Amino acid sequence: MSKSSAGPDLLALVDGLACCVPLAREPISAEQAHGVVPMLKAIADPARLRLLSLVLSHEGGEACVCDLLPHFDLSQPTISHHLKVLHEAGLLERERRGTWVYYIARPEAMAALGSLFTAPSPKTLEGAPS
């Protein structure tokens, strides 16, 4: 497939929107930036980003190490360490049930991260100049 297969009209539209429509409504404050930096640092590691994704997509939105271990070529202590880092960064809550610890994503942390990368709504894009 060649580069031009998308068509020049689509590329012009994308370029036009990129320069005219802001990706976020307002820039984040210094306080907000300081609040999300630990979360971003925690998910900067590929294994931790994947762990968070697996917890979020797991049935019921919660998982224990026993559920996550088969998805990695890492030891159980290493997985537990990564989950601890995610917990300490405020991304996961943990709850002990017998011998297992279950991890659940914190909705307010997911909302904080999601708000950083919220794209304009389709209605906003419709009103953008072409």
N, C-alpha and C. Protein backbone atom coordinates (compact mmCIF):
# COMPACT_ATOMS: atom_id res chain seq x y z
N MET A 1 0.85 -1.17 0.00
CA MET A 1 0.00 0.00 0.00
C MET A 1 0.90 1.23 0.00
N SER A 2 0.65 2.17 -0.92
CA SER A 2 1.48 3.37 -1.01
C SER A 2 1.03 4.42 -0.01
N LYS A 3 1.91 5.40 0.20
CA LYS A 3 1.60 6.48 1.13
C LYS A 3 0.39 7.28 0.69
N SER A 4 0.20 7.39 -0.61
CA SER A 4 -0.88 8.22 -1.12
C SER A 4 -2.22 7.52 -1.14
N SER A 5 -2.28 6.26 -0.70
CA SER A 5 -3.54 5.53 -0.76
C SER A 5 -4.60 6.12 0.16
N ALA A 6 -4.19 6.83 1.22
CA ALA A 6 -5.17 7.45 2.11
C ALA A 6 -5.83 8.64 1.43
N GLY A 7 -5.20 9.16 0.41
CA GLY A 7 -5.76 10.27 -0.33
C GLY A 7 -5.33 11.60 0.25
N PRO A 8 -5.08 12.57 -0.60
CA PRO A 8 -4.61 13.87 -0.13
C PRO A 8 -5.66 14.61 0.69
N ASP A 9 -6.94 14.39 0.43
CA ASP A 9 -7.98 15.09 1.19
C ASP A 9 -7.94 14.70 2.66
N LEU A 10 -7.77 13.41 2.94
CA LEU A 10 -7.70 12.94 4.32
C LEU A 10 -6.49 13.53 5.03
N LEU A 11 -5.34 13.53 4.35
CA LEU A 11 -4.13 14.08 4.95
C LEU A 11 -4.27 15.57 5.21
N ALA A 12 -4.88 16.30 4.29
CA ALA A 12 -5.09 17.73 4.50
C ALA A 12 -6.01 17.96 5.68
N LEU A 13 -7.05 17.13 5.81
CA LEU A 13 -7.97 17.27 6.93
C LEU A 13 -7.25 17.01 8.25
N VAL A 14 -6.46 15.96 8.30
CA VAL A 14 -5.72 15.64 9.53
C VAL A 14 -4.75 16.76 9.86
N ASP A 15 -3.99 17.23 8.87
CA ASP A 15 -3.04 18.32 9.11
C ASP A 15 -3.77 19.58 9.56
N GLY A 16 -4.90 19.86 8.94
CA GLY A 16 -5.68 21.04 9.31
C GLY A 16 -6.20 20.97 10.73
N LEU A 17 -6.68 19.80 11.13
CA LEU A 17 -7.19 19.65 12.50
C LEU A 17 -6.08 19.72 13.52
N ALA A 18 -4.94 19.14 13.18
CA ALA A 18 -3.83 19.12 14.14
C ALA A 18 -3.38 20.53 14.49
N CYS A 19 -3.47 21.45 13.55
CA CYS A 19 -3.00 22.80 13.85
C CYS A 19 -4.12 23.69 14.38
N CYS A 20 -5.35 23.30 14.25
CA CYS A 20 -6.45 24.20 14.59
C CYS A 20 -7.26 23.79 15.82
N VAL A 21 -7.33 22.53 16.12
CA VAL A 21 -8.16 22.06 17.23
C VAL A 21 -7.26 21.58 18.35
N PRO A 22 -7.39 22.19 19.54
CA PRO A 22 -6.55 21.73 20.65
C PRO A 22 -6.92 20.31 21.07
N LEU A 23 -5.93 19.55 21.50
CA LEU A 23 -6.18 18.18 21.95
C LEU A 23 -6.80 18.15 23.33
N ALA A 24 -6.52 19.14 24.15
CA ALA A 24 -7.09 19.22 25.49
C ALA A 24 -7.79 20.56 25.64
N ARG A 25 -8.74 20.61 26.54
CA ARG A 25 -9.49 21.85 26.74
C ARG A 25 -8.63 22.92 27.41
N GLU A 26 -7.91 22.55 28.46
CA GLU A 26 -7.04 23.48 29.16
C GLU A 26 -5.77 22.75 29.56
N PRO A 27 -4.65 23.47 29.63
CA PRO A 27 -3.44 22.79 30.10
C PRO A 27 -3.58 22.44 31.58
N ILE A 28 -2.89 21.41 32.00
CA ILE A 28 -2.98 21.01 33.41
C ILE A 28 -2.14 21.96 34.26
N SER A 29 -2.54 22.08 35.51
CA SER A 29 -1.83 22.95 36.45
C SER A 29 -0.56 22.24 36.92
N ALA A 30 0.31 23.01 37.57
CA ALA A 30 1.54 22.44 38.13
C ALA A 30 1.18 21.40 39.19
N GLU A 31 0.15 21.66 39.98
CA GLU A 31 -0.28 20.72 41.01
C GLU A 31 -0.77 19.41 40.38
N GLN A 32 -1.56 19.52 39.32
CA GLN A 32 -2.04 18.32 38.63
C GLN A 32 -0.87 17.54 38.03
N ALA A 33 0.09 18.25 37.46
CA ALA A 33 1.26 17.60 36.87
C ALA A 33 2.03 16.81 37.93
N HIS A 34 2.24 17.43 39.09
CA HIS A 34 2.94 16.73 40.17
C HIS A 34 2.15 15.51 40.63
N GLY A 35 0.82 15.57 40.55
CA GLY A 35 -0.01 14.45 40.98
C GLY A 35 0.04 13.25 40.04
N VAL A 36 0.19 13.50 38.75
CA VAL A 36 0.18 12.39 37.79
C VAL A 36 1.57 11.86 37.44
N VAL A 37 2.61 12.62 37.75
CA VAL A 37 3.96 12.18 37.40
C VAL A 37 4.30 10.81 38.00
N PRO A 38 4.00 10.54 39.28
CA PRO A 38 4.30 9.20 39.81
C PRO A 38 3.56 8.09 39.05
N MET A 39 2.34 8.36 38.62
CA MET A 39 1.59 7.36 37.87
C MET A 39 2.23 7.13 36.50
N LEU A 40 2.62 8.21 35.84
CA LEU A 40 3.24 8.08 34.52
C LEU A 40 4.59 7.36 34.62
N LYS A 41 5.35 7.67 35.67
CA LYS A 41 6.63 6.97 35.87
C LYS A 41 6.39 5.47 36.07
N ALA A 42 5.36 5.14 36.84
CA ALA A 42 5.07 3.73 37.11
C ALA A 42 4.70 2.98 35.84
N ILE A 43 3.92 3.59 34.97
CA ILE A 43 3.50 2.88 33.75
C ILE A 43 4.48 3.05 32.60
N ALA A 44 5.60 3.76 32.86
CA ALA A 44 6.63 3.89 31.82
C ALA A 44 7.36 2.57 31.60
N ASP A 45 7.25 1.65 32.53
CA ASP A 45 7.85 0.33 32.39
C ASP A 45 6.88 -0.56 31.62
N PRO A 46 7.33 -1.21 30.54
CA PRO A 46 6.41 -2.03 29.73
C PRO A 46 5.70 -3.13 30.51
N ALA A 47 6.39 -3.77 31.44
CA ALA A 47 5.75 -4.84 32.22
C ALA A 47 4.64 -4.26 33.09
N ARG A 48 4.88 -3.11 33.70
CA ARG A 48 3.85 -2.51 34.57
C ARG A 48 2.68 -1.98 33.75
N LEU A 49 2.96 -1.41 32.59
CA LEU A 49 1.87 -0.95 31.73
C LEU A 49 1.00 -2.13 31.34
N ARG A 50 1.62 -3.23 31.00
CA ARG A 50 0.88 -4.43 30.62
C ARG A 50 0.11 -5.01 31.80
N LEU A 51 0.72 -5.00 32.99
CA LEU A 51 0.02 -5.48 34.19
C LEU A 51 -1.23 -4.65 34.45
N LEU A 52 -1.10 -3.33 34.36
CA LEU A 52 -2.25 -2.47 34.58
C LEU A 52 -3.34 -2.78 33.56
N SER A 53 -2.95 -2.95 32.31
CA SER A 53 -3.91 -3.29 31.26
C SER A 53 -4.61 -4.62 31.54
N LEU A 54 -3.85 -5.60 32.00
CA LEU A 54 -4.43 -6.90 32.31
C LEU A 54 -5.40 -6.83 33.49
N VAL A 55 -5.05 -6.06 34.51
CA VAL A 55 -5.96 -5.90 35.65
C VAL A 55 -7.25 -5.23 35.18
N LEU A 56 -7.13 -4.17 34.39
CA LEU A 56 -8.31 -3.46 33.90
C LEU A 56 -9.20 -4.34 33.03
N SER A 57 -8.59 -5.22 32.24
CA SER A 57 -9.38 -6.04 31.32
C SER A 57 -9.81 -7.37 31.92
N HIS A 58 -9.32 -7.70 33.09
CA HIS A 58 -9.67 -8.97 33.73
C HIS A 58 -11.12 -8.94 34.19
N GLU A 59 -11.74 -10.11 34.22
CA GLU A 59 -13.13 -10.22 34.66
C GLU A 59 -13.32 -9.56 36.02
N GLY A 60 -14.29 -8.66 36.10
CA GLY A 60 -14.56 -7.95 37.34
C GLY A 60 -13.61 -6.80 37.61
N GLY A 61 -12.65 -6.57 36.71
CA GLY A 61 -11.72 -5.47 36.88
C GLY A 61 -10.74 -5.66 38.02
N GLU A 62 -10.53 -6.92 38.41
CA GLU A 62 -9.58 -7.21 39.49
C GLU A 62 -8.86 -8.50 39.17
N ALA A 63 -7.64 -8.61 39.68
CA ALA A 63 -6.85 -9.81 39.41
C ALA A 63 -5.83 -10.01 40.52
N CYS A 64 -5.45 -11.26 40.71
CA CYS A 64 -4.38 -11.57 41.66
C CYS A 64 -3.14 -11.98 40.86
N VAL A 65 -2.03 -12.10 41.55
CA VAL A 65 -0.79 -12.49 40.88
C VAL A 65 -0.99 -13.81 40.14
N CYS A 66 -1.77 -14.71 40.73
CA CYS A 66 -1.99 -16.02 40.10
C CYS A 66 -2.68 -15.88 38.74
N ASP A 67 -3.50 -14.83 38.56
CA ASP A 67 -4.16 -14.59 37.28
C ASP A 67 -3.20 -13.97 36.26
N LEU A 68 -2.24 -13.19 36.75
CA LEU A 68 -1.37 -12.42 35.87
C LEU A 68 -0.10 -13.16 35.46
N LEU A 69 0.38 -14.02 36.31
CA LEU A 69 1.64 -14.72 36.10
C LEU A 69 1.74 -15.44 34.76
N PRO A 70 0.69 -16.14 34.29
CA PRO A 70 0.81 -16.86 33.01
C PRO A 70 1.05 -15.96 31.80
N HIS A 71 0.81 -14.66 31.93
CA HIS A 71 0.96 -13.74 30.80
C HIS A 71 2.39 -13.21 30.65
N PHE A 72 3.27 -13.59 31.56
CA PHE A 72 4.63 -13.03 31.57
C PHE A 72 5.67 -14.13 31.69
N ASP A 73 6.84 -13.81 31.21
CA ASP A 73 8.01 -14.67 31.41
C ASP A 73 8.83 -14.07 32.55
N LEU A 74 8.14 -13.78 33.66
CA LEU A 74 8.75 -13.18 34.85
C LEU A 74 8.38 -14.02 36.05
N SER A 75 9.20 -13.96 37.08
CA SER A 75 8.92 -14.72 38.30
C SER A 75 7.78 -14.08 39.09
N GLN A 76 7.19 -14.86 39.97
CA GLN A 76 6.11 -14.35 40.83
C GLN A 76 6.60 -13.18 41.69
N PRO A 77 7.80 -13.24 42.29
CA PRO A 77 8.26 -12.08 43.07
C PRO A 77 8.44 -10.82 42.22
N THR A 78 8.86 -10.99 40.97
CA THR A 78 9.03 -9.83 40.09
C THR A 78 7.67 -9.22 39.75
N ILE A 79 6.69 -10.05 39.45
CA ILE A 79 5.33 -9.56 39.18
C ILE A 79 4.80 -8.84 40.42
N SER A 80 4.99 -9.43 41.59
CA SER A 80 4.53 -8.80 42.83
C SER A 80 5.22 -7.46 43.05
N HIS A 81 6.50 -7.37 42.73
CA HIS A 81 7.21 -6.09 42.86
C HIS A 81 6.59 -5.03 41.95
N HIS A 82 6.34 -5.40 40.69
CA HIS A 82 5.74 -4.45 39.75
C HIS A 82 4.36 -4.01 40.22
N LEU A 83 3.57 -4.93 40.75
CA LEU A 83 2.25 -4.58 41.27
C LEU A 83 2.37 -3.65 42.48
N LYS A 84 3.38 -3.85 43.29
CA LYS A 84 3.62 -2.97 44.44
C LYS A 84 3.94 -1.55 43.97
N VAL A 85 4.75 -1.43 42.93
CA VAL A 85 5.08 -0.12 42.37
C VAL A 85 3.82 0.57 41.86
N LEU A 86 2.96 -0.17 41.17
CA LEU A 86 1.69 0.39 40.68
C LEU A 86 0.80 0.81 41.84
N HIS A 87 0.79 0.03 42.90
CA HIS A 87 0.01 0.37 44.09
C HIS A 87 0.55 1.63 44.74
N GLU A 88 1.86 1.70 44.93
CA GLU A 88 2.47 2.86 45.58
C GLU A 88 2.31 4.13 44.75
N ALA A 89 2.17 4.00 43.44
CA ALA A 89 1.95 5.16 42.57
C ALA A 89 0.49 5.61 42.58
N GLY A 90 -0.37 4.85 43.26
CA GLY A 90 -1.77 5.23 43.35
C GLY A 90 -2.65 4.69 42.24
N LEU A 91 -2.12 3.79 41.43
CA LEU A 91 -2.89 3.25 40.31
C LEU A 91 -3.75 2.05 40.68
N LEU A 92 -3.30 1.28 41.66
CA LEU A 92 -4.02 0.07 42.06
C LEU A 92 -4.31 0.07 43.55
N GLU A 93 -5.46 -0.48 43.90
CA GLU A 93 -5.78 -0.80 45.29
C GLU A 93 -5.51 -2.29 45.44
N ARG A 94 -5.26 -2.72 46.65
CA ARG A 94 -5.07 -4.16 46.86
C ARG A 94 -5.89 -4.61 48.06
N GLU A 95 -6.32 -5.85 47.97
CA GLU A 95 -7.18 -6.43 49.01
C GLU A 95 -6.75 -7.88 49.23
N ARG A 96 -6.43 -8.22 50.46
CA ARG A 96 -6.02 -9.58 50.78
C ARG A 96 -7.26 -10.45 50.95
N ARG A 97 -7.25 -11.60 50.29
CA ARG A 97 -8.31 -12.60 50.41
C ARG A 97 -7.64 -13.94 50.63
N GLY A 98 -7.59 -14.35 51.87
CA GLY A 98 -6.89 -15.59 52.19
C GLY A 98 -5.41 -15.43 51.94
N THR A 99 -4.87 -16.31 51.11
CA THR A 99 -3.43 -16.24 50.82
C THR A 99 -3.12 -15.35 49.62
N TRP A 100 -4.15 -14.89 48.90
CA TRP A 100 -3.94 -14.10 47.70
C TRP A 100 -4.22 -12.63 47.94
N VAL A 101 -3.53 -11.78 47.20
CA VAL A 101 -3.79 -10.34 47.20
C VAL A 101 -4.38 -10.01 45.84
N TYR A 102 -5.55 -9.39 45.84
CA TYR A 102 -6.21 -8.99 44.60
C TYR A 102 -5.95 -7.51 44.35
N TYR A 103 -5.73 -7.17 43.09
CA TYR A 103 -5.45 -5.80 42.68
C TYR A 103 -6.61 -5.28 41.85
N ILE A 104 -7.00 -4.04 42.14
CA ILE A 104 -8.12 -3.38 41.46
C ILE A 104 -7.65 -1.99 41.06
N ALA A 105 -7.92 -1.59 39.83
CA ALA A 105 -7.53 -0.25 39.38
C ALA A 105 -8.35 0.80 40.12
N ARG A 106 -7.70 1.88 40.51
CA ARG A 106 -8.38 2.98 41.18
C ARG A 106 -9.05 3.85 40.11
N PRO A 107 -10.39 3.95 40.14
CA PRO A 107 -11.10 4.72 39.12
C PRO A 107 -10.63 6.17 39.02
N GLU A 108 -10.35 6.80 40.17
CA GLU A 108 -9.93 8.20 40.13
C GLU A 108 -8.56 8.35 39.47
N ALA A 109 -7.69 7.36 39.63
CA ALA A 109 -6.38 7.41 38.97
C ALA A 109 -6.55 7.22 37.46
N MET A 110 -7.43 6.30 37.07
CA MET A 110 -7.67 6.08 35.64
C MET A 110 -8.28 7.34 35.01
N ALA A 111 -9.17 8.00 35.74
CA ALA A 111 -9.78 9.24 35.24
C ALA A 111 -8.73 10.33 35.10
N ALA A 112 -7.83 10.43 36.08
CA ALA A 112 -6.78 11.46 36.02
C ALA A 112 -5.87 11.23 34.81
N LEU A 113 -5.49 9.99 34.58
CA LEU A 113 -4.65 9.70 33.42
C LEU A 113 -5.42 9.91 32.12
N GLY A 114 -6.66 9.45 32.09
CA GLY A 114 -7.47 9.59 30.89
C GLY A 114 -7.71 11.04 30.51
N SER A 115 -7.85 11.90 31.50
CA SER A 115 -8.12 13.31 31.21
C SER A 115 -6.92 13.99 30.55
N LEU A 116 -5.73 13.45 30.75
CA LEU A 116 -4.54 14.02 30.12
C LEU A 116 -4.56 13.83 28.60
N PHE A 117 -5.18 12.74 28.17
CA PHE A 117 -5.11 12.36 26.77
C PHE A 117 -6.48 12.39 26.09
N THR A 118 -7.40 13.16 26.62
CA THR A 118 -8.73 13.23 26.04
C THR A 118 -8.68 14.04 24.74
N ALA A 119 -9.12 13.42 23.68
CA ALA A 119 -9.18 14.08 22.38
C ALA A 119 -10.48 14.86 22.28
N PRO A 120 -10.54 15.82 21.38
CA PRO A 120 -11.78 16.56 21.19
C PRO A 120 -12.91 15.64 20.75
N SER A 121 -14.11 16.00 21.10
CA SER A 121 -15.26 15.20 20.71
C SER A 121 -15.51 15.36 19.21
N PRO A 122 -16.24 14.41 18.60
CA PRO A 122 -16.56 14.52 17.17
C PRO A 122 -17.28 15.83 16.84
N LYS A 123 -18.12 16.33 17.75
CA LYS A 123 -18.83 17.58 17.49
C LYS A 123 -17.85 18.74 17.39
N THR A 124 -16.80 18.73 18.23
CA THR A 124 -15.78 19.77 18.16
C THR A 124 -15.07 19.71 16.83
N LEU A 125 -14.77 18.50 16.37
CA LEU A 125 -14.08 18.34 15.10
C LEU A 125 -14.93 18.79 13.92
N GLU A 126 -16.25 18.58 14.00
CA GLU A 126 -17.15 18.98 12.91
C GLU A 126 -17.12 20.49 12.71
N GLY A 127 -16.94 21.24 13.79
CA GLY A 127 -16.95 22.70 13.69
C GLY A 127 -15.60 23.29 13.34
N ALA A 128 -14.58 22.47 13.21
CA ALA A 128 -13.24 22.97 12.92
C ALA A 128 -13.16 23.42 11.47
N PRO A 129 -12.39 24.48 11.24
CA PRO A 129 -12.22 24.95 9.86
C PRO A 129 -11.43 23.93 9.05
N SER A 130 -11.75 23.82 7.76
CA SER A 130 -11.03 22.85 6.92
C SER A 130 -10.04 23.53 6.02
